[in-house]
Amino acid sequence: MTIDDALAGLGAIQPGSGLDGLEQRVLTRIADRRAGTVSHASLAGVALLALVLGVASNALPERAQASSAPFGMTTALAPSTLLLDAQ
């Protein structure tokens, strides 16, 4: 059997009935999904809330942070301290 024979046999097969209306079903599901999207007003409200929280968190005073060294040990030559000195 050559590839030409295989392709001719494949071309002779009728497509299954499950493909009937497939394009319309896909387009209907896309339209249904778009109908359930979030409105621009609610997105603007969420963006405004994020902006207010960001500004408010910047206005709060900084708290002292705990040491990030494991077990409370600090070493002067740790890579993290060397990087801080370079700034």
C-alpha atoms as a PDB file:
ATOM      1  CA  MET A   1       0.000   0.000   0.000  1.00  0.00           C
ATOM      2  CA  THR A   2       1.401   3.373  -0.984  1.00  0.00           C
ATOM      3  CA  ILE A   3       0.695   6.682   0.626  1.00  0.00           C
ATOM      4  CA  ASP A   4      -1.440   7.647  -2.370  1.00  0.00           C
ATOM      5  CA  ASP A   5      -3.656   4.604  -1.793  1.00  0.00           C
ATOM      6  CA  ALA A   6      -3.936   5.401   1.917  1.00  0.00           C
ATOM      7  CA  LEU A   7      -4.892   9.016   1.237  1.00  0.00           C
ATOM      8  CA  ALA A   8      -7.438   7.974  -1.386  1.00  0.00           C
ATOM      9  CA  GLY A   9      -8.994   5.552   1.107  1.00  0.00           C
ATOM     10  CA  LEU A  10      -9.059   8.262   3.756  1.00  0.00           C
ATOM     11  CA  GLY A  11     -10.736  10.646   1.310  1.00  0.00           C
ATOM     12  CA  ALA A  12     -13.426   8.084   0.543  1.00  0.00           C
ATOM     13  CA  ILE A  13     -14.515   7.765   4.185  1.00  0.00           C
ATOM     14  CA  GLN A  14     -17.563   9.815   5.098  1.00  0.00           C
ATOM     15  CA  PRO A  15     -17.117  12.061   8.160  1.00  0.00           C
ATOM     16  CA  GLY A  16     -18.942  11.035  11.298  1.00  0.00           C
ATOM     17  CA  SER A  17     -22.285  12.551  12.198  1.00  0.00           C
ATOM     18  CA  GLY A  18     -20.728  14.034  15.361  1.00  0.00           C
ATOM     19  CA  LEU A  19     -19.133  16.708  13.215  1.00  0.00           C
ATOM     20  CA  ASP A  20     -22.513  17.982  12.002  1.00  0.00           C
ATOM     21  CA  GLY A  21     -23.081  21.411  13.534  1.00  0.00           C
ATOM     22  CA  LEU A  22     -19.717  21.412  15.323  1.00  0.00           C
ATOM     23  CA  GLU A  23     -18.883  24.942  14.208  1.00  0.00           C
ATOM     24  CA  GLN A  24     -22.229  26.278  15.418  1.00  0.00           C
ATOM     25  CA  ARG A  25     -21.839  24.544  18.793  1.00  0.00           C
ATOM     26  CA  VAL A  26     -18.386  26.057  19.248  1.00  0.00           C
ATOM     27  CA  LEU A  27     -19.575  29.546  18.332  1.00  0.00           C
ATOM     28  CA  THR A  28     -22.564  29.204  20.677  1.00  0.00           C
ATOM     29  CA  ARG A  29     -20.314  28.231  23.589  1.00  0.00           C
ATOM     30  CA  ILE A  30     -18.004  31.166  22.875  1.00  0.00           C
ATOM     31  CA  ALA A  31     -20.974  33.547  22.865  1.00  0.00           C
ATOM     32  CA  ASP A  32     -22.271  32.042  26.131  1.00  0.00           C
ATOM     33  CA  ARG A  33     -18.887  32.443  27.772  1.00  0.00           C
ATOM     34  CA  ARG A  34     -18.651  36.090  26.677  1.00  0.00           C
ATOM     35  CA  ALA A  35     -22.105  36.759  28.112  1.00  0.00           C
ATOM     36  CA  GLY A  36     -20.866  35.749  31.561  1.00  0.00           C
ATOM     37  CA  THR A  37     -17.896  38.106  31.616  1.00  0.00           C
ATOM     38  CA  VAL A  38     -17.308  40.751  34.254  1.00  0.00           C
ATOM     39  CA  SER A  39     -18.476  44.280  33.529  1.00  0.00           C
ATOM     40  CA  HIS A  40     -16.106  47.211  33.120  1.00  0.00           C
ATOM     41  CA  ALA A  41     -17.609  48.924  36.166  1.00  0.00           C
ATOM     42  CA  SER A  42     -16.724  46.025  38.457  1.00  0.00           C
ATOM     43  CA  LEU A  43     -13.195  45.874  37.040  1.00  0.00           C
ATOM     44  CA  ALA A  44     -12.823  49.607  37.648  1.00  0.00           C
ATOM     45  CA  GLY A  45     -14.062  49.117  41.211  1.00  0.00           C
ATOM     46  CA  VAL A  46     -11.511  46.386  41.888  1.00  0.00           C
ATOM     47  CA  ALA A  47      -8.739  48.535  40.396  1.00  0.00           C
ATOM     48  CA  LEU A  48      -9.781  51.472  42.586  1.00  0.00           C
ATOM     49  CA  LEU A  49      -9.803  49.244  45.666  1.00  0.00           C
ATOM     50  CA  ALA A  50      -6.292  48.002  44.837  1.00  0.00           C
ATOM     51  CA  LEU A  51      -5.108  51.568  44.379  1.00  0.00           C
ATOM     52  CA  VAL A  52      -6.584  52.686  47.707  1.00  0.00           C
ATOM     53  CA  LEU A  53      -5.056  49.701  49.521  1.00  0.00           C
ATOM     54  CA  GLY A  54      -1.669  50.408  47.941  1.00  0.00           C
ATOM     55  CA  VAL A  55      -1.699  54.060  48.952  1.00  0.00           C
ATOM     56  CA  ALA A  56      -2.946  53.226  52.459  1.00  0.00           C
ATOM     57  CA  SER A  57      -0.275  50.577  52.980  1.00  0.00           C
ATOM     58  CA  ASN A  58       2.399  53.048  51.922  1.00  0.00           C
ATOM     59  CA  ALA A  59       1.146  55.600  54.464  1.00  0.00           C
ATOM     60  CA  LEU A  60       1.537  53.180  57.383  1.00  0.00           C
ATOM     61  CA  PRO A  61       4.838  53.353  59.280  1.00  0.00           C
ATOM     62  CA  GLU A  62       7.330  50.574  58.709  1.00  0.00           C
ATOM     63  CA  ARG A  63       7.670  47.919  61.357  1.00  0.00           C
ATOM     64  CA  ALA A  64      10.987  46.465  62.404  1.00  0.00           C
ATOM     65  CA  GLN A  65      11.459  43.164  60.670  1.00  0.00           C
ATOM     66  CA  ALA A  66      12.704  40.061  62.365  1.00  0.00           C
ATOM     67  CA  SER A  67      16.086  38.683  61.408  1.00  0.00           C
ATOM     68  CA  SER A  68      15.949  36.432  58.378  1.00  0.00           C
ATOM     69  CA  ALA A  69      18.996  34.470  59.514  1.00  0.00           C
ATOM     70  CA  PRO A  70      18.195  30.866  60.428  1.00  0.00           C
ATOM     71  CA  PHE A  71      18.346  30.059  64.144  1.00  0.00           C
ATOM     72  CA  GLY A  72      19.171  33.693  64.934  1.00  0.00           C
ATOM     73  CA  MET A  73      22.780  33.385  63.746  1.00  0.00           C
ATOM     74  CA  THR A  74      24.204  36.233  61.722  1.00  0.00           C
ATOM     75  CA  THR A  75      27.449  36.136  59.832  1.00  0.00           C
ATOM     76  CA  ALA A  76      29.207  39.188  58.454  1.00  0.00           C
ATOM     77  CA  LEU A  77      30.275  37.398  55.266  1.00  0.00           C
ATOM     78  CA  ALA A  78      26.918  35.919  54.331  1.00  0.00           C
ATOM     79  CA  PRO A  79      26.013  36.617  50.696  1.00  0.00           C
ATOM     80  CA  SER A  80      22.916  38.542  51.759  1.00  0.00           C
ATOM     81  CA  THR A  81      24.960  40.936  53.883  1.00  0.00           C
ATOM     82  CA  LEU A  82      27.560  41.386  51.149  1.00  0.00           C
ATOM     83  CA  LEU A  83      24.838  42.330  48.706  1.00  0.00           C
ATOM     84  CA  LEU A  84      23.391  44.837  51.127  1.00  0.00           C
ATOM     85  CA  ASP A  85      26.783  46.527  51.508  1.00  0.00           C
ATOM     86  CA  ALA A  86      27.076  46.946  47.741  1.00  0.00           C
ATOM     87  CA  GLN A  87      23.993  49.161  47.653  1.00  0.00           C
END
